[in-house]
PDB file of N, CA and C in Angstrom:
ATOM      1  N   MET A   1     141.782   7.393-156.448  1.00  0.00           N
ATOM      2  CA  MET A   1     141.054   7.522-157.697  1.00  0.00           C
ATOM      3  C   MET A   1     141.782   8.536-158.565  1.00  0.00           C
ATOM      4  N   ASP A   2     141.827   8.265-159.846  1.00  0.00           N
ATOM      5  CA  ASP A   2     142.436   9.241-160.739  1.00  0.00           C
ATOM      6  C   ASP A   2     141.371   9.902-161.594  1.00  0.00           C
ATOM      7  N   GLU A   3     141.776  10.730-162.535  1.00  0.00           N
ATOM      8  CA  GLU A   3     140.817  11.519-163.312  1.00  0.00           C
ATOM      9  C   GLU A   3     140.005  10.694-164.300  1.00  0.00           C
ATOM     10  N   ARG A   4     140.374   9.469-164.572  1.00  0.00           N
ATOM     11  CA  ARG A   4     139.612   8.636-165.493  1.00  0.00           C
ATOM     12  C   ARG A   4     138.384   8.027-164.828  1.00  0.00           C
ATOM     13  N   GLY A   5     138.232   8.164-163.545  1.00  0.00           N
ATOM     14  CA  GLY A   5     137.041   7.663-162.881  1.00  0.00           C
ATOM     15  C   GLY A   5     137.187   6.258-162.338  1.00  0.00           C
ATOM     16  N   GLY A   6     138.285   5.607-162.610  1.00  0.00           N
ATOM     17  CA  GLY A   6     138.454   4.242-162.144  1.00  0.00           C
ATOM     18  C   GLY A   6     139.232   4.206-160.837  1.00  0.00           C
ATOM     19  N   ARG A   7     139.449   3.018-160.357  1.00  0.00           N
ATOM     20  CA  ARG A   7     140.242   2.851-159.145  1.00  0.00           C
ATOM     21  C   ARG A   7     141.564   2.207-159.506  1.00  0.00           C
ATOM     22  N   TYR A   8     142.595   2.614-158.855  1.00  0.00           N
ATOM     23  CA  TYR A   8     143.929   2.026-159.000  1.00  0.00           C
ATOM     24  C   TYR A   8     144.436   2.040-160.434  1.00  0.00           C
ATOM     25  N   GLY A   9     144.066   3.074-161.187  1.00  0.00           N
ATOM     26  CA  GLY A   9     144.593   3.217-162.529  1.00  0.00           C
ATOM     27  C   GLY A   9     143.844   2.449-163.595  1.00  0.00           C
ATOM     28  N   PHE A  10     142.758   1.771-163.239  1.00  0.00           N
ATOM     29  CA  PHE A  10     141.975   1.037-164.225  1.00  0.00           C
ATOM     30  C   PHE A  10     140.720   1.839-164.596  1.00  0.00           C
ATOM     31  N   GLU A  11     140.268   1.665-165.814  1.00  0.00           N
ATOM     32  CA  GLU A  11     139.032   2.321-166.238  1.00  0.00           C
ATOM     33  C   GLU A  11     137.834   1.588-165.626  1.00  0.00           C
ATOM     34  N   SER A  12     136.770   2.357-165.366  1.00  0.00           N
ATOM     35  CA  SER A  12     135.582   1.709-164.830  1.00  0.00           C
ATOM     36  C   SER A  12     134.887   0.938-165.956  1.00  0.00           C
ATOM     37  N   PHE A  13     134.209  -0.108-165.591  1.00  0.00           N
ATOM     38  CA  PHE A  13     133.524  -0.934-166.581  1.00  0.00           C
ATOM     39  C   PHE A  13     132.237  -1.459-165.955  1.00  0.00           C
ATOM     40  N   ASP A  14     131.315  -1.858-166.818  1.00  0.00           N
ATOM     41  CA  ASP A  14     130.073  -2.464-166.351  1.00  0.00           C
ATOM     42  C   ASP A  14     130.306  -3.953-166.189  1.00  0.00           C
ATOM     43  N   CYS A  15     129.932  -4.454-165.049  1.00  0.00           N
ATOM     44  CA  CYS A  15     130.124  -5.881-164.817  1.00  0.00           C
ATOM     45  C   CYS A  15     128.861  -6.639-165.237  1.00  0.00           C
ATOM     46  N   ALA A  16     129.015  -7.898-165.514  1.00  0.00           N
ATOM     47  CA  ALA A  16     127.916  -8.722-166.003  1.00  0.00           C
ATOM     48  C   ALA A  16     126.748  -8.784-165.019  1.00  0.00           C
ATOM     49  N   PRO A  17     126.977  -8.949-163.718  1.00  0.00           N
ATOM     50  CA  PRO A  17     125.816  -8.985-162.805  1.00  0.00           C
ATOM     51  C   PRO A  17     125.013  -7.683-162.820  1.00  0.00           C
ATOM     52  N   ALA A  18     125.684  -6.548-162.934  1.00  0.00           N
ATOM     53  CA  ALA A  18     124.966  -5.271-162.978  1.00  0.00           C
ATOM     54  C   ALA A  18     124.140  -5.161-164.255  1.00  0.00           C
ATOM     55  N   LEU A  19     124.696  -5.628-165.362  1.00  0.00           N
ATOM     56  CA  LEU A  19     123.958  -5.597-166.622  1.00  0.00           C
ATOM     57  C   LEU A  19     122.753  -6.536-166.553  1.00  0.00           C
ATOM     58  N   ARG A  20     122.941  -7.701-165.940  1.00  0.00           N
ATOM     59  CA  ARG A  20     121.827  -8.631-165.797  1.00  0.00           C
ATOM     60  C   ARG A  20     120.742  -8.034-164.909  1.00  0.00           C
ATOM     61  N   LEU A  21     121.136  -7.344-163.858  1.00  0.00           N
ATOM     62  CA  LEU A  21     120.177  -6.722-162.964  1.00  0.00           C
ATOM     63  C   LEU A  21     119.387  -5.635-163.693  1.00  0.00           C
ATOM     64  N   GLU A  22     120.066  -4.816-164.489  1.00  0.00           N
ATOM     65  CA  GLU A  22     119.380  -3.777-165.265  1.00  0.00           C
ATOM     66  C   GLU A  22     118.409  -4.394-166.265  1.00  0.00           C
ATOM     67  N   ALA A  23     118.837  -5.469-166.910  1.00  0.00           N
ATOM     68  CA  ALA A  23     117.967  -6.137-167.876  1.00  0.00           C
ATOM     69  C   ALA A  23     116.749  -6.733-167.166  1.00  0.00           C
ATOM     70  N   HIS A  24     116.970  -7.308-165.999  1.00  0.00           N
ATOM     71  CA  HIS A  24     115.860  -7.882-165.237  1.00  0.00           C
ATOM     72  C   HIS A  24     114.889  -6.786-164.801  1.00  0.00           C
ATOM     73  N   GLU A  25     115.415  -5.641-164.372  1.00  0.00           N
ATOM     74  CA  GLU A  25     114.550  -4.526-163.972  1.00  0.00           C
ATOM     75  C   GLU A  25     113.727  -4.035-165.149  1.00  0.00           C
ATOM     76  N   ARG A  26     114.334  -3.965-166.315  1.00  0.00           N
ATOM     77  CA  ARG A  26     113.614  -3.515-167.510  1.00  0.00           C
ATOM     78  C   ARG A  26     112.517  -4.505-167.886  1.00  0.00           C
ATOM     79  N   VAL A  27     112.823  -5.791-167.831  1.00  0.00           N
ATOM     80  CA  VAL A  27     111.814  -6.820-168.137  1.00  0.00           C
ATOM     81  C   VAL A  27     110.670  -6.740-167.133  1.00  0.00           C
ATOM     82  N   ALA A  28     110.991  -6.568-165.856  1.00  0.00           N
ATOM     83  CA  ALA A  28     109.955  -6.454-164.827  1.00  0.00           C
ATOM     84  C   ALA A  28     109.092  -5.221-165.085  1.00  0.00           C
ATOM     85  N   GLN A  29     109.711  -4.116-165.482  1.00  0.00           N
ATOM     86  CA  GLN A  29     108.952  -2.896-165.783  1.00  0.00           C
ATOM     87  C   GLN A  29     108.006  -3.135-166.963  1.00  0.00           C
ATOM     88  N   LEU A  30     108.488  -3.794-167.998  1.00  0.00           N
ATOM     89  CA  LEU A  30     107.639  -4.094-169.149  1.00  0.00           C
ATOM     90  C   LEU A  30     106.493  -5.026-168.768  1.00  0.00           C
ATOM     91  N   GLN A  31     106.768  -5.985-167.901  1.00  0.00           N
ATOM     92  CA  GLN A  31     105.717  -6.897-167.464  1.00  0.00           C
ATOM     93  C   GLN A  31     104.654  -6.159-166.668  1.00  0.00           C
ATOM     94  N   PHE A  32     105.067  -5.229-165.793  1.00  0.00           N
ATOM     95  CA  PHE A  32     104.095  -4.459-165.024  1.00  0.00           C
ATOM     96  C   PHE A  32     103.269  -3.549-165.926  1.00  0.00           C
ATOM     97  N   GLU A  33     103.896  -2.968-166.938  1.00  0.00           N
ATOM     98  CA  GLU A  33     103.142  -2.136-167.882  1.00  0.00           C
ATOM     99  C   GLU A  33     102.113  -2.970-168.634  1.00  0.00           C
ATOM    100  N   ALA A  34     102.504  -4.164-169.056  1.00  0.00           N
ATOM    101  CA  ALA A  34     101.564  -5.048-169.754  1.00  0.00           C
ATOM    102  C   ALA A  34     100.440  -5.479-168.822  1.00  0.00           C
ATOM    103  N   LEU A  35     100.778  -5.752-167.569  1.00  0.00           N
ATOM    104  CA  LEU A  35      99.767  -6.141-166.588  1.00  0.00           C
ATOM    105  C   LEU A  35      98.780  -4.998-166.345  1.00  0.00           C
ATOM    106  N   GLU A  36      99.277  -3.772-166.237  1.00  0.00           N
ATOM    107  CA  GLU A  36      98.406  -2.615-166.058  1.00  0.00           C
ATOM    108  C   GLU A  36      97.468  -2.443-167.251  1.00  0.00           C
ATOM    109  N   ALA A  37      97.993  -2.656-168.460  1.00  0.00           N
ATOM    110  CA  ALA A  37      97.160  -2.539-169.655  1.00  0.00           C
ATOM    111  C   ALA A  37      96.061  -3.604-169.645  1.00  0.00           C
ATOM    112  N   ARG A  38      96.425  -4.828-169.259  1.00  0.00           N
ATOM    113  CA  ARG A  38      95.421  -5.892-169.183  1.00  0.00           C
ATOM    114  C   ARG A  38      94.371  -5.591-168.127  1.00  0.00           C
ATOM    115  N   LEU A  39      94.798  -5.096-166.981  1.00  0.00           N
ATOM    116  CA  LEU A  39      93.850  -4.764-165.917  1.00  0.00           C
ATOM    117  C   LEU A  39      92.908  -3.640-166.342  1.00  0.00           C
ATOM    118  N   ASP A  40      93.431  -2.659-167.070  1.00  0.00           N
ATOM    119  CA  ASP A  40      92.573  -1.580-167.576  1.00  0.00           C
ATOM    120  C   ASP A  40      91.523  -2.138-168.528  1.00  0.00           C
ATOM    121  N   ARG A  41      91.937  -3.060-169.386  1.00  0.00           N
ATOM    122  CA  ARG A  41      90.996  -3.664-170.335  1.00  0.00           C
ATOM    123  C   ARG A  41      89.940  -4.501-169.605  1.00  0.00           C
ATOM    124  N   ILE A  42      90.373  -5.252-168.597  1.00  0.00           N
ATOM    125  CA  ILE A  42      89.429  -6.049-167.819  1.00  0.00           C
ATOM    126  C   ILE A  42      88.443  -5.146-167.098  1.00  0.00           C
ATOM    127  N   GLU A  43      88.931  -4.031-166.555  1.00  0.00           N
ATOM    128  CA  GLU A  43      88.044  -3.097-165.867  1.00  0.00           C
ATOM    129  C   GLU A  43      87.002  -2.521-166.826  1.00  0.00           C
ATOM    130  N   LEU A  44      87.425  -2.182-168.035  1.00  0.00           N
ATOM    131  CA  LEU A  44      86.492  -1.673-169.035  1.00  0.00           C
ATOM    132  C   LEU A  44      85.441  -2.729-169.389  1.00  0.00           C
ATOM    133  N   LEU A  45      85.871  -3.968-169.569  1.00  0.00           N
ATOM    134  CA  LEU A  45      84.936  -5.046-169.883  1.00  0.00           C
ATOM    135  C   LEU A  45      83.966  -5.298-168.733  1.00  0.00           C
ATOM    136  N   MET A  46      84.449  -5.173-167.497  1.00  0.00           N
ATOM    137  CA  MET A  46      83.565  -5.356-166.348  1.00  0.00           C
ATOM    138  C   MET A  46      82.516  -4.251-166.273  1.00  0.00           C
ATOM    139  N   GLU A  47      82.914  -3.020-166.598  1.00  0.00           N
ATOM    140  CA  GLU A  47      81.944  -1.923-166.603  1.00  0.00           C
ATOM    141  C   GLU A  47      80.866  -2.162-167.657  1.00  0.00           C
ATOM    142  N   ARG A  48      81.273  -2.612-168.836  1.00  0.00           N
ATOM    143  CA  ARG A  48      80.293  -2.905-169.881  1.00  0.00           C
ATOM    144  C   ARG A  48      79.362  -4.036-169.462  1.00  0.00           C
ATOM    145  N   LEU A  49      79.920  -5.064-168.828  1.00  0.00           N
ATOM    146  CA  LEU A  49      79.115  -6.181-168.357  1.00  0.00           C
ATOM    147  C   LEU A  49      78.137  -5.730-167.276  1.00  0.00           C
ATOM    148  N   GLU A  50      78.586  -4.848-166.398  1.00  0.00           N
ATOM    149  CA  GLU A  50      77.714  -4.342-165.343  1.00  0.00           C
ATOM    150  C   GLU A  50      76.541  -3.563-165.939  1.00  0.00           C
ATOM    151  N   LYS A  51      76.815  -2.759-166.963  1.00  0.00           N
ATOM    152  CA  LYS A  51      75.726  -2.026-167.627  1.00  0.00           C
ATOM    153  C   LYS A  51      74.716  -2.992-168.236  1.00  0.00           C
ATOM    154  N   ARG A  52      75.192  -4.046-168.866  1.00  0.00           N
ATOM    155  CA  ARG A  52      74.291  -5.046-169.456  1.00  0.00           C
ATOM    156  C   ARG A  52      73.485  -5.755-168.379  1.00  0.00           C
ATOM    157  N   LEU A  53      74.133  -6.058-167.273  1.00  0.00           N
ATOM    158  CA  LEU A  53      73.439  -6.737-166.189  1.00  0.00           C
ATOM    159  C   LEU A  53      72.317  -5.868-165.635  1.00  0.00           C
ATOM    160  N   TRP A  54      72.600  -4.576-165.402  1.00  0.00           N
ATOM    161  CA  TRP A  54      71.558  -3.688-164.890  1.00  0.00           C
ATOM    162  C   TRP A  54      70.432  -3.515-165.891  1.00  0.00           C
ATOM    163  N   LEU A  55      70.764  -3.468-167.159  1.00  0.00           N
ATOM    164  CA  LEU A  55      69.726  -3.376-168.191  1.00  0.00           C
ATOM    165  C   LEU A  55      68.822  -4.608-168.141  1.00  0.00           C
ATOM    166  N   THR A  56      69.416  -5.774-167.953  1.00  0.00           N
ATOM    167  CA  THR A  56      68.644  -7.005-167.831  1.00  0.00           C
ATOM    168  C   THR A  56      67.767  -6.995-166.582  1.00  0.00           C
ATOM    169  N   VAL A  57      68.326  -6.556-165.470  1.00  0.00           N
ATOM    170  CA  VAL A  57      67.556  -6.506-164.219  1.00  0.00           C
ATOM    171  C   VAL A  57      66.366  -5.566-164.367  1.00  0.00           C
ATOM    172  N   TYR A  58      66.603  -4.379-164.939  1.00  0.00           N
ATOM    173  CA  TYR A  58      65.501  -3.433-165.126  1.00  0.00           C
ATOM    174  C   TYR A  58      64.467  -3.972-166.115  1.00  0.00           C
ATOM    175  N   GLY A  59      64.914  -4.687-167.127  1.00  0.00           N
ATOM    176  CA  GLY A  59      63.980  -5.284-168.081  1.00  0.00           C
ATOM    177  C   GLY A  59      63.093  -6.320-167.435  1.00  0.00           C
ATOM    178  N   VAL A  60      63.684  -7.185-166.614  1.00  0.00           N
ATOM    179  CA  VAL A  60      62.907  -8.212-165.919  1.00  0.00           C
ATOM    180  C   VAL A  60      61.937  -7.560-164.932  1.00  0.00           C
ATOM    181  N   ALA A  61      62.423  -6.560-164.193  1.00  0.00           N
ATOM    182  CA  ALA A  61      61.533  -5.868-163.244  1.00  0.00           C
ATOM    183  C   ALA A  61      60.385  -5.183-163.983  1.00  0.00           C
ATOM    184  N   GLY A  62      60.666  -4.605-165.134  1.00  0.00           N
ATOM    185  CA  GLY A  62      59.613  -3.975-165.934  1.00  0.00           C
ATOM    186  C   GLY A  62      58.583  -4.977-166.406  1.00  0.00           C
ATOM    187  N   MET A  63      59.037  -6.150-166.825  1.00  0.00           N
ATOM    188  CA  MET A  63      58.100  -7.184-167.266  1.00  0.00           C
ATOM    189  C   MET A  63      57.219  -7.671-166.109  1.00  0.00           C
ATOM    190  N   VAL A  64      57.812  -7.848-164.949  1.00  0.00           N
ATOM    191  CA  VAL A  64      57.029  -8.280-163.787  1.00  0.00           C
ATOM    192  C   VAL A  64      55.990  -7.231-163.444  1.00  0.00           C
ATOM    193  N   LEU A  65      56.385  -5.963-163.430  1.00  0.00           N
ATOM    194  CA  LEU A  65      55.425  -4.893-163.139  1.00  0.00           C
ATOM    195  C   LEU A  65      54.341  -4.799-164.210  1.00  0.00           C
ATOM    196  N   ALA A  66      54.706  -4.995-165.462  1.00  0.00           N
ATOM    197  CA  ALA A  66      53.719  -4.949-166.544  1.00  0.00           C
ATOM    198  C   ALA A  66      52.714  -6.091-166.398  1.00  0.00           C
ATOM    199  N   GLN A  67      53.189  -7.275-166.071  1.00  0.00           N
ATOM    200  CA  GLN A  67      52.275  -8.398-165.869  1.00  0.00           C
ATOM    201  C   GLN A  67      51.358  -8.151-164.675  1.00  0.00           C
ATOM    202  N   ALA A  68      51.884  -7.573-163.615  1.00  0.00           N
ATOM    203  CA  ALA A  68      51.056  -7.262-162.450  1.00  0.00           C
ATOM    204  C   ALA A  68      50.006  -6.224-162.815  1.00  0.00           C
ATOM    205  N   ALA A  69      50.395  -5.222-163.600  1.00  0.00           N
ATOM    206  CA  ALA A  69      49.442  -4.196-164.018  1.00  0.00           C
ATOM    207  C   ALA A  69      48.365  -4.800-164.916  1.00  0.00           C
ATOM    208  N   MET A  70      48.742  -5.708-165.789  1.00  0.00           N
ATOM    209  CA  MET A  70      47.756  -6.369-166.655  1.00  0.00           C
ATOM    210  C   MET A  70      46.766  -7.177-165.828  1.00  0.00           C
ATOM    211  N   ARG A  71      47.212  -7.858-164.819  1.00  0.00           N
ATOM    212  CA  ARG A  71      46.300  -8.624-163.962  1.00  0.00           C
ATOM    213  C   ARG A  71      45.333  -7.697-163.218  1.00  0.00           C
ATOM    214  N   VAL A  72      45.876  -6.566-162.754  1.00  0.00           N
ATOM    215  CA  VAL A  72      45.014  -5.605-162.055  1.00  0.00           C
ATOM    216  C   VAL A  72      43.966  -5.066-163.018  1.00  0.00           C
ATOM    217  N   LEU A  73      44.376  -4.760-164.243  1.00  0.00           N
ATOM    218  CA  LEU A  73      43.426  -4.245-165.231  1.00  0.00           C
ATOM    219  C   LEU A  73      42.401  -5.312-165.630  1.00  0.00           C
ATOM    220  N   ASP A  74      42.824  -6.565-165.664  1.00  0.00           N
ATOM    221  CA  ASP A  74      41.858  -7.642-165.986  1.00  0.00           C
ATOM    222  C   ASP A  74      40.841  -7.821-164.870  1.00  0.00           C
ATOM    223  N   LEU A  75      41.257  -7.618-163.634  1.00  0.00           N
ATOM    224  CA  LEU A  75      40.367  -7.788-162.493  1.00  0.00           C
ATOM    225  C   LEU A  75      39.490  -6.550-162.259  1.00  0.00           C
ATOM    226  N   ALA A  76      39.889  -5.402-162.709  1.00  0.00           N
ATOM    227  CA  ALA A  76      39.173  -4.148-162.444  1.00  0.00           C
ATOM    228  C   ALA A  76      37.747  -4.169-162.983  1.00  0.00           C
ATOM    229  N   PRO A  77      37.462  -4.598-164.228  1.00  0.00           N
ATOM    230  CA  PRO A  77      36.083  -4.608-164.691  1.00  0.00           C
ATOM    231  C   PRO A  77      35.184  -5.551-163.895  1.00  0.00           C
ATOM    232  N   ARG A  78      35.724  -6.622-163.400  1.00  0.00           N
ATOM    233  CA  ARG A  78      34.951  -7.584-162.624  1.00  0.00           C
ATOM    234  C   ARG A  78      34.584  -7.022-161.253  1.00  0.00           C
ATOM    235  N   LEU A  79      35.427  -6.173-160.714  1.00  0.00           N
ATOM    236  CA  LEU A  79      35.190  -5.621-159.391  1.00  0.00           C
ATOM    237  C   LEU A  79      34.259  -4.426-159.422  1.00  0.00           C
ATOM    238  N   GLY A  80      34.042  -3.868-160.581  1.00  0.00           N
ATOM    239  CA  GLY A  80      33.200  -2.671-160.714  1.00  0.00           C
ATOM    240  C   GLY A  80      31.727  -2.986-160.532  1.00  0.00           C
ATOM    241  N   PRO A  81      30.803  -1.976-160.615  1.00  0.00           N
ATOM    242  CA  PRO A  81      29.368  -2.173-160.399  1.00  0.00           C
ATOM    243  C   PRO A  81      28.694  -2.970-161.456  1.00  0.00           C
TER     244      PRO A  81
END
């Protein structure tokens, strides 16, 4: 090796396969970043959907309990003296 960094008196150079590999790695990195961003957005949407679902469940449970309480109150005067 000489002081120019090459072998046998030639300068070092980037070969096409190495450049293609670097380009492929960069594209793969960009794809993973985009995938992570999409997954973060999906996770946020799922959390919002879960909150809506629980709100619906509590609303339905509240209505069932309210109807049961109304029936008990309707029956209470009849059961009294």
